[in-house]
Amino acid sequence: MDYIGIDISQDYVDADLPGGVQRLAQDPAGLRALLAAVPAGAVCVLEATGPYGLRLLAALHRAQRPVCVVNPLQVRRFAQSQLRRSKTDRTHAQLLSQFGRAFTPALHAPTALWLTQLQQRQALLDLLKGQRTALGNHQHALAQSPWPDPVSTRALEAELDRLDQQVADLEKSLARDARAQCGADYARLQTIPGVGPRVALALLLAGPGLRAFAGWRQAVAYAGLCPRHYASGTSVRGRPRLSKLGDGRLRKLLYLGAWSASRANPACQALYQRLLERGKAKPQALCAVAARLLRQAWALLTHERDFDPHFHLALA
């Protein structure tokens, strides 16, 4: 099986085709020419580099061409292992081909349309909330002035009212469409003590969807909640820390949910108390509880059952 590395930019793509690297425009005509030039049965290798590759990825899926979407950090480390000293669009396309042959990455499965659109809506909601916080802070600072500008005050109030309405509308539509698309899973996740509507929605929209992860370990790694150990020989013994290589927003929400889960969720409460008795700090114990929450959520969706507070006792 041959691999065709494709380096992507905003206006064009560089493809490592059998006749050499070719540059094609990032437009419908250029994508059609690329699909015609890729040999039958060849696997295209792209990097997950933001929105610029989405049109090409969709075109490849529509044409039923096999494609891999690889982590840019893995490709970068692969280039460093070869002692590469320079990077151009041409050489990077060739590097992606070599990476595919060396590691045979898993094929990318197309994401459901509803999941993609809800993820886009969630990203917009997070952006608007950040703007709301920034403007609220500015309003507070303006109010401390002995001579606040009335024009600025009115403009801030109007903009904050508009953002509040937009945030409320988006949150309502997200909850409505999540229930319409996966209402059973949405309700099932909220049977877990410590998982509310926001955490349940974040779990449903995590990456390819929580159900798509092959195991709970993959889900925990996606959230960056797995420990990272560093030791070498007899003298280097680094303290284990969270990898934090993953979805920071999901990790933050699970950590907040861990506060209530450490009191109301029997399995999480037992884990939390056990870690504290072993001398772990409270933040460390809460991170472990957050990982346990994610493990429970994956198990409930996989086995299609509601939360049972005594299930962990039956296993013991």
Protein backbone atom coordinates (compact mmCIF):
# COMPACT_ATOMS: atom_id res chain seq x y z
CA MET A 1 0.00 0.00 0.00
CA ASP A 2 1.38 3.37 -1.01
CA TYR A 3 1.00 6.58 0.97
CA ILE A 4 0.56 10.04 -0.55
CA GLY A 5 1.62 12.84 1.78
CA ILE A 6 -0.28 16.11 1.32
CA ASP A 7 0.88 19.36 2.92
CA ILE A 8 -1.97 21.85 3.31
CA SER A 9 -2.04 25.63 3.39
CA GLN A 10 -4.83 28.17 2.95
CA ASP A 11 -4.54 28.64 -0.84
CA TYR A 12 -2.91 25.45 -2.14
CA VAL A 13 -1.82 21.89 -1.32
CA ASP A 14 1.45 20.12 -2.07
CA ALA A 15 0.96 16.42 -2.83
CA ASP A 16 3.77 13.86 -3.01
CA LEU A 17 2.44 12.06 -6.10
CA PRO A 18 4.26 9.24 -7.95
CA GLY A 19 5.61 11.68 -10.55
CA GLY A 20 6.92 14.08 -7.91
CA VAL A 21 5.51 16.75 -5.63
CA GLN A 22 2.79 18.82 -7.29
CA ARG A 23 1.20 22.04 -6.09
CA LEU A 24 -2.55 22.40 -6.64
CA ALA A 25 -4.96 25.15 -5.71
CA GLN A 26 -7.30 24.83 -2.74
CA ASP A 27 -10.44 25.23 -4.85
CA PRO A 28 -12.96 22.80 -6.38
CA ALA A 29 -10.97 22.48 -9.64
CA GLY A 30 -7.71 21.87 -7.79
CA LEU A 31 -9.27 19.26 -5.52
CA ARG A 32 -10.78 17.45 -8.51
CA ALA A 33 -7.36 17.42 -10.18
CA LEU A 34 -5.78 16.05 -7.01
CA LEU A 35 -8.33 13.25 -6.72
CA ALA A 36 -7.70 12.32 -10.35
CA ALA A 37 -3.92 12.24 -9.79
CA VAL A 38 -3.95 10.10 -6.64
CA PRO A 39 -3.45 6.43 -7.63
CA ALA A 40 -6.29 4.02 -6.87
CA GLY A 41 -5.80 2.33 -3.52
CA ALA A 42 -3.26 4.86 -2.26
CA VAL A 43 -3.77 6.29 1.22
CA CYS A 44 -3.57 10.06 1.62
CA VAL A 45 -1.80 11.33 4.75
CA LEU A 46 -2.80 14.73 6.14
CA GLU A 47 -1.96 16.59 9.31
CA ALA A 48 -4.62 17.85 11.72
CA THR A 49 -3.74 21.49 11.10
CA GLY A 50 -6.98 23.36 11.73
CA PRO A 51 -9.67 24.37 9.24
CA TYR A 52 -7.56 24.52 6.06
CA GLY A 53 -7.68 20.76 5.50
CA LEU A 54 -11.41 20.28 6.07
CA ARG A 55 -12.44 20.81 2.44
CA LEU A 56 -9.85 18.33 1.19
CA LEU A 57 -10.79 15.83 3.88
CA ALA A 58 -14.47 16.09 2.94
CA ALA A 59 -13.64 15.67 -0.77
CA LEU A 60 -11.60 12.53 -0.03
CA HIS A 61 -14.42 11.02 2.03
CA ARG A 62 -17.00 11.83 -0.67
CA ALA A 63 -14.78 10.11 -3.24
CA GLN A 64 -14.39 7.14 -0.84
CA ARG A 65 -10.61 7.49 -0.83
CA PRO A 66 -8.73 6.15 2.22
CA VAL A 67 -7.17 8.94 4.26
CA CYS A 68 -5.22 9.25 7.51
CA VAL A 69 -5.22 12.35 9.71
CA VAL A 70 -2.08 12.31 11.86
CA ASN A 71 -0.95 14.31 14.87
CA PRO A 72 1.46 17.12 13.84
CA LEU A 73 3.54 16.53 16.98
CA GLN A 74 4.19 12.93 15.91
CA VAL A 75 5.29 14.09 12.46
CA ARG A 76 7.54 16.74 13.99
CA ARG A 77 9.25 14.20 16.24
CA PHE A 78 9.62 11.86 13.26
CA ALA A 79 11.40 14.63 11.34
CA GLN A 80 13.68 15.29 14.31
CA SER A 81 14.56 11.60 14.51
CA GLN A 82 15.84 11.91 10.93
CA LEU A 83 17.91 15.00 11.88
CA ARG A 84 16.08 17.16 9.35
CA ARG A 85 17.29 20.74 9.51
CA SER A 86 14.82 22.47 7.22
CA LYS A 87 11.14 22.37 6.34
CA THR A 88 9.36 23.44 3.17
CA ASP A 89 5.92 22.57 1.83
CA ARG A 90 7.54 20.24 -0.71
CA THR A 91 9.74 18.36 1.76
CA HIS A 92 6.94 18.17 4.31
CA ALA A 93 4.67 16.40 1.82
CA GLN A 94 7.45 13.86 1.24
CA LEU A 95 7.92 13.52 5.00
CA LEU A 96 4.21 12.70 5.43
CA SER A 97 4.53 9.94 2.83
CA GLN A 98 7.49 8.47 4.72
CA PHE A 99 5.61 8.75 8.01
CA GLY A 100 2.69 6.80 6.56
CA ARG A 101 4.94 3.99 5.28
CA ALA A 102 6.81 3.78 8.59
CA PHE A 103 3.85 3.78 10.97
CA THR A 104 0.77 2.80 8.88
CA PRO A 105 -1.58 5.09 10.86
CA ALA A 106 -5.23 4.21 11.28
CA LEU A 107 -7.68 5.37 8.64
CA HIS A 108 -9.83 8.39 9.44
CA ALA A 109 -13.58 7.83 9.71
CA PRO A 110 -15.90 10.65 8.60
CA THR A 111 -17.56 12.55 11.42
CA ALA A 112 -21.35 12.73 11.53
CA LEU A 113 -22.73 16.02 10.25
CA TRP A 114 -24.73 16.71 13.42
CA LEU A 115 -21.65 16.15 15.59
CA THR A 116 -19.53 18.51 13.49
CA GLN A 117 -22.14 21.25 13.61
CA LEU A 118 -22.71 20.93 17.36
CA GLN A 119 -18.95 21.08 17.94
CA GLN A 120 -18.81 24.27 15.88
CA ARG A 121 -21.68 25.72 17.89
CA GLN A 122 -19.95 24.78 21.15
CA ALA A 123 -16.75 26.49 20.00
CA LEU A 124 -18.70 29.66 19.17
CA LEU A 125 -20.41 29.52 22.56
CA ASP A 126 -17.05 29.31 24.34
CA LEU A 127 -15.78 32.27 22.31
CA LEU A 128 -18.81 34.39 23.18
CA LYS A 129 -18.49 33.53 26.86
CA GLY A 130 -14.86 34.64 26.77
CA GLN A 131 -15.89 37.94 25.20
CA ARG A 132 -18.64 38.32 27.82
CA THR A 133 -16.10 37.89 30.60
CA ALA A 134 -13.66 40.37 29.05
CA LEU A 135 -16.37 43.02 28.57
CA GLY A 136 -17.72 42.41 32.08
CA ASN A 137 -14.24 43.01 33.50
CA HIS A 138 -13.95 46.22 31.47
CA GLN A 139 -17.34 47.37 32.73
CA HIS A 140 -16.24 46.74 36.31
CA ALA A 141 -13.03 48.72 35.76
CA LEU A 142 -14.97 51.57 34.16
CA ALA A 143 -17.33 51.72 37.13
CA GLN A 144 -14.39 52.37 39.47
CA SER A 145 -13.54 55.62 37.70
CA PRO A 146 -14.75 58.82 39.39
CA TRP A 147 -15.72 60.13 35.92
CA PRO A 148 -16.99 57.14 33.88
CA ASP A 149 -17.63 57.90 30.22
CA PRO A 150 -21.42 57.70 29.68
CA VAL A 151 -21.05 56.73 26.01
CA SER A 152 -18.75 53.81 26.90
CA THR A 153 -21.07 52.77 29.72
CA ARG A 154 -24.13 52.63 27.46
CA ALA A 155 -22.21 50.80 24.71
CA LEU A 156 -20.96 48.20 27.19
CA GLU A 157 -24.41 47.63 28.64
CA ALA A 158 -25.92 47.16 25.18
CA GLU A 159 -23.15 44.77 24.10
CA LEU A 160 -23.39 42.73 27.30
CA ASP A 161 -27.17 42.42 26.90
CA ARG A 162 -26.70 41.24 23.30
CA LEU A 163 -24.06 38.67 24.33
CA ASP A 164 -26.22 37.40 27.19
CA GLN A 165 -29.08 36.79 24.76
CA GLN A 166 -26.82 35.06 22.21
CA VAL A 167 -25.27 32.82 24.88
CA ALA A 168 -28.70 31.88 26.22
CA ASP A 169 -29.99 31.07 22.72
CA LEU A 170 -26.95 28.96 21.86
CA GLU A 171 -27.08 27.03 25.13
CA LYS A 172 -30.77 26.32 24.60
CA SER A 173 -30.24 25.15 21.00
CA LEU A 174 -27.27 22.97 22.01
CA ALA A 175 -29.27 21.20 24.70
CA ARG A 176 -32.27 20.82 22.37
CA ASP A 177 -30.28 19.36 19.46
CA ALA A 178 -28.20 17.13 21.74
CA ARG A 179 -31.40 15.61 23.12
CA ALA A 180 -32.74 15.21 19.58
CA GLN A 181 -29.64 13.42 18.29
CA CYS A 182 -28.63 11.37 21.32
CA GLY A 183 -31.26 11.91 23.96
CA ALA A 184 -30.82 8.51 25.62
CA ASP A 185 -27.05 8.98 25.99
CA TYR A 186 -27.52 12.58 27.15
CA ALA A 187 -29.90 11.48 29.90
CA ARG A 188 -27.85 8.39 30.80
CA LEU A 189 -24.67 10.40 31.39
CA GLN A 190 -26.52 12.68 33.80
CA THR A 191 -27.37 9.71 36.03
CA ILE A 192 -23.70 9.78 37.13
CA PRO A 193 -23.31 11.90 40.30
CA GLY A 194 -20.97 14.73 39.32
CA VAL A 195 -22.04 14.87 35.67
CA GLY A 196 -24.47 17.68 34.92
CA PRO A 197 -25.83 18.95 31.59
CA ARG A 198 -22.66 20.87 30.67
CA VAL A 199 -20.34 17.95 31.40
CA ALA A 200 -22.66 15.50 29.65
CA LEU A 201 -22.74 17.68 26.54
CA ALA A 202 -18.94 18.04 26.57
CA LEU A 203 -18.59 14.25 26.79
CA LEU A 204 -20.96 13.69 23.87
CA LEU A 205 -19.05 16.21 21.72
CA ALA A 206 -15.56 15.06 22.71
CA GLY A 207 -13.46 14.37 19.61
CA PRO A 208 -15.25 11.79 17.45
CA GLY A 209 -17.82 11.27 20.22
CA LEU A 210 -17.37 9.35 23.45
CA ARG A 211 -18.82 6.17 21.94
CA ALA A 212 -16.16 6.20 19.20
CA PHE A 213 -13.21 5.63 21.56
CA ALA A 214 -11.96 2.05 21.49
CA GLY A 215 -11.56 1.97 25.28
CA TRP A 216 -11.70 4.12 28.37
CA ARG A 217 -7.94 4.54 28.36
CA GLN A 218 -8.12 6.23 24.96
CA ALA A 219 -10.84 8.55 26.27
CA VAL A 220 -8.79 9.45 29.36
CA ALA A 221 -5.74 10.10 27.19
CA TYR A 222 -7.81 12.34 24.89
CA ALA A 223 -8.77 14.48 27.88
CA GLY A 224 -5.13 14.68 29.04
CA LEU A 225 -5.99 13.06 32.38
CA CYS A 226 -3.48 10.21 32.16
CA PRO A 227 -0.29 10.48 34.28
CA ARG A 228 3.08 11.14 32.69
CA HIS A 229 6.02 9.40 34.38
CA TYR A 230 9.64 10.52 34.01
CA ALA A 231 12.45 8.34 35.34
CA SER A 232 15.92 7.39 34.14
CA GLY A 233 18.55 5.24 35.84
CA THR A 234 18.86 5.55 39.60
CA SER A 235 19.13 9.32 39.95
CA VAL A 236 16.27 10.75 37.86
CA ARG A 237 12.89 10.29 39.50
CA GLY A 238 10.50 12.96 38.32
CA ARG A 239 7.13 13.39 40.01
CA PRO A 240 4.25 11.97 37.97
CA ARG A 241 2.17 14.73 36.42
CA LEU A 242 -0.83 14.96 34.13
CA SER A 243 0.09 14.80 30.48
CA LYS A 244 -2.37 17.63 29.61
CA LEU A 245 -2.03 16.57 25.96
CA GLY A 246 -5.66 16.71 24.97
CA ASP A 247 -8.93 18.57 25.22
CA GLY A 248 -8.36 21.22 27.87
CA ARG A 249 -12.00 22.29 28.01
CA LEU A 250 -13.21 18.74 28.69
CA ARG A 251 -10.49 18.29 31.31
CA LYS A 252 -11.54 21.49 33.09
CA LEU A 253 -15.23 20.52 33.17
CA LEU A 254 -14.46 17.03 34.46
CA TYR A 255 -12.26 18.52 37.19
CA LEU A 256 -15.14 20.78 38.28
CA GLY A 257 -17.48 17.79 38.25
CA ALA A 258 -14.99 15.86 40.38
CA TRP A 259 -15.71 18.19 43.34
CA SER A 260 -19.27 16.95 43.66
CA ALA A 261 -18.42 13.40 42.55
CA SER A 262 -15.90 13.10 45.41
CA ARG A 263 -18.84 13.52 47.82
CA ALA A 264 -21.88 12.03 46.00
CA ASN A 265 -20.43 9.32 43.73
CA PRO A 266 -19.61 6.21 45.83
CA ALA A 267 -16.79 4.88 43.63
CA CYS A 268 -15.26 8.35 43.21
CA GLN A 269 -15.63 9.08 46.92
CA ALA A 270 -13.81 5.86 47.83
CA LEU A 271 -11.02 6.67 45.35
CA TYR A 272 -10.72 10.23 46.64
CA GLN A 273 -10.46 9.17 50.30
CA ARG A 274 -8.00 6.39 49.48
CA LEU A 275 -5.67 8.79 47.67
CA LEU A 276 -5.84 11.35 50.47
CA GLU A 277 -4.93 8.64 53.00
CA ARG A 278 -1.90 7.78 50.85
CA GLY A 279 -0.70 11.36 51.16
CA LYS A 280 -1.81 12.73 47.81
CA ALA A 281 -2.72 16.40 47.58
CA LYS A 282 -6.37 17.29 47.01
CA PRO A 283 -5.80 18.53 43.42
CA GLN A 284 -4.08 15.24 42.55
CA ALA A 285 -6.92 13.23 44.05
CA LEU A 286 -9.50 15.34 42.18
CA CYS A 287 -7.69 14.75 38.87
CA ALA A 288 -7.89 11.00 39.53
CA VAL A 289 -11.61 11.39 40.28
CA ALA A 290 -12.05 13.31 37.01
CA ALA A 291 -10.44 10.41 35.14
CA ARG A 292 -12.75 7.98 36.99
CA LEU A 293 -15.78 10.04 35.94
CA LEU A 294 -14.70 9.79 32.31
CA ARG A 295 -14.17 6.05 32.71
CA GLN A 296 -17.66 5.66 34.16
CA ALA A 297 -19.19 7.72 31.36
CA TRP A 298 -17.51 5.61 28.68
CA ALA A 299 -18.63 2.38 30.40
CA LEU A 300 -22.26 3.49 30.65
CA LEU A 301 -22.46 4.38 26.96
CA THR A 302 -20.62 1.23 25.87
CA HIS A 303 -22.77 -1.13 27.94
CA GLU A 304 -25.93 1.01 27.57
CA ARG A 305 -26.92 1.04 31.21
CA ASP A 306 -27.68 3.74 33.77
CA PHE A 307 -25.43 4.51 36.69
CA ASP A 308 -25.54 1.99 39.54
CA PRO A 309 -24.03 3.36 42.78
CA HIS A 310 -23.34 -0.18 44.05
CA PHE A 311 -21.84 -1.63 40.86
CA HIS A 312 -18.25 -1.15 42.06
CA LEU A 313 -19.07 -3.12 45.22
CA ALA A 314 -20.41 -6.01 43.16
CA LEU A 315 -17.16 -6.08 41.17
CA ALA A 316 -15.10 -6.06 44.37
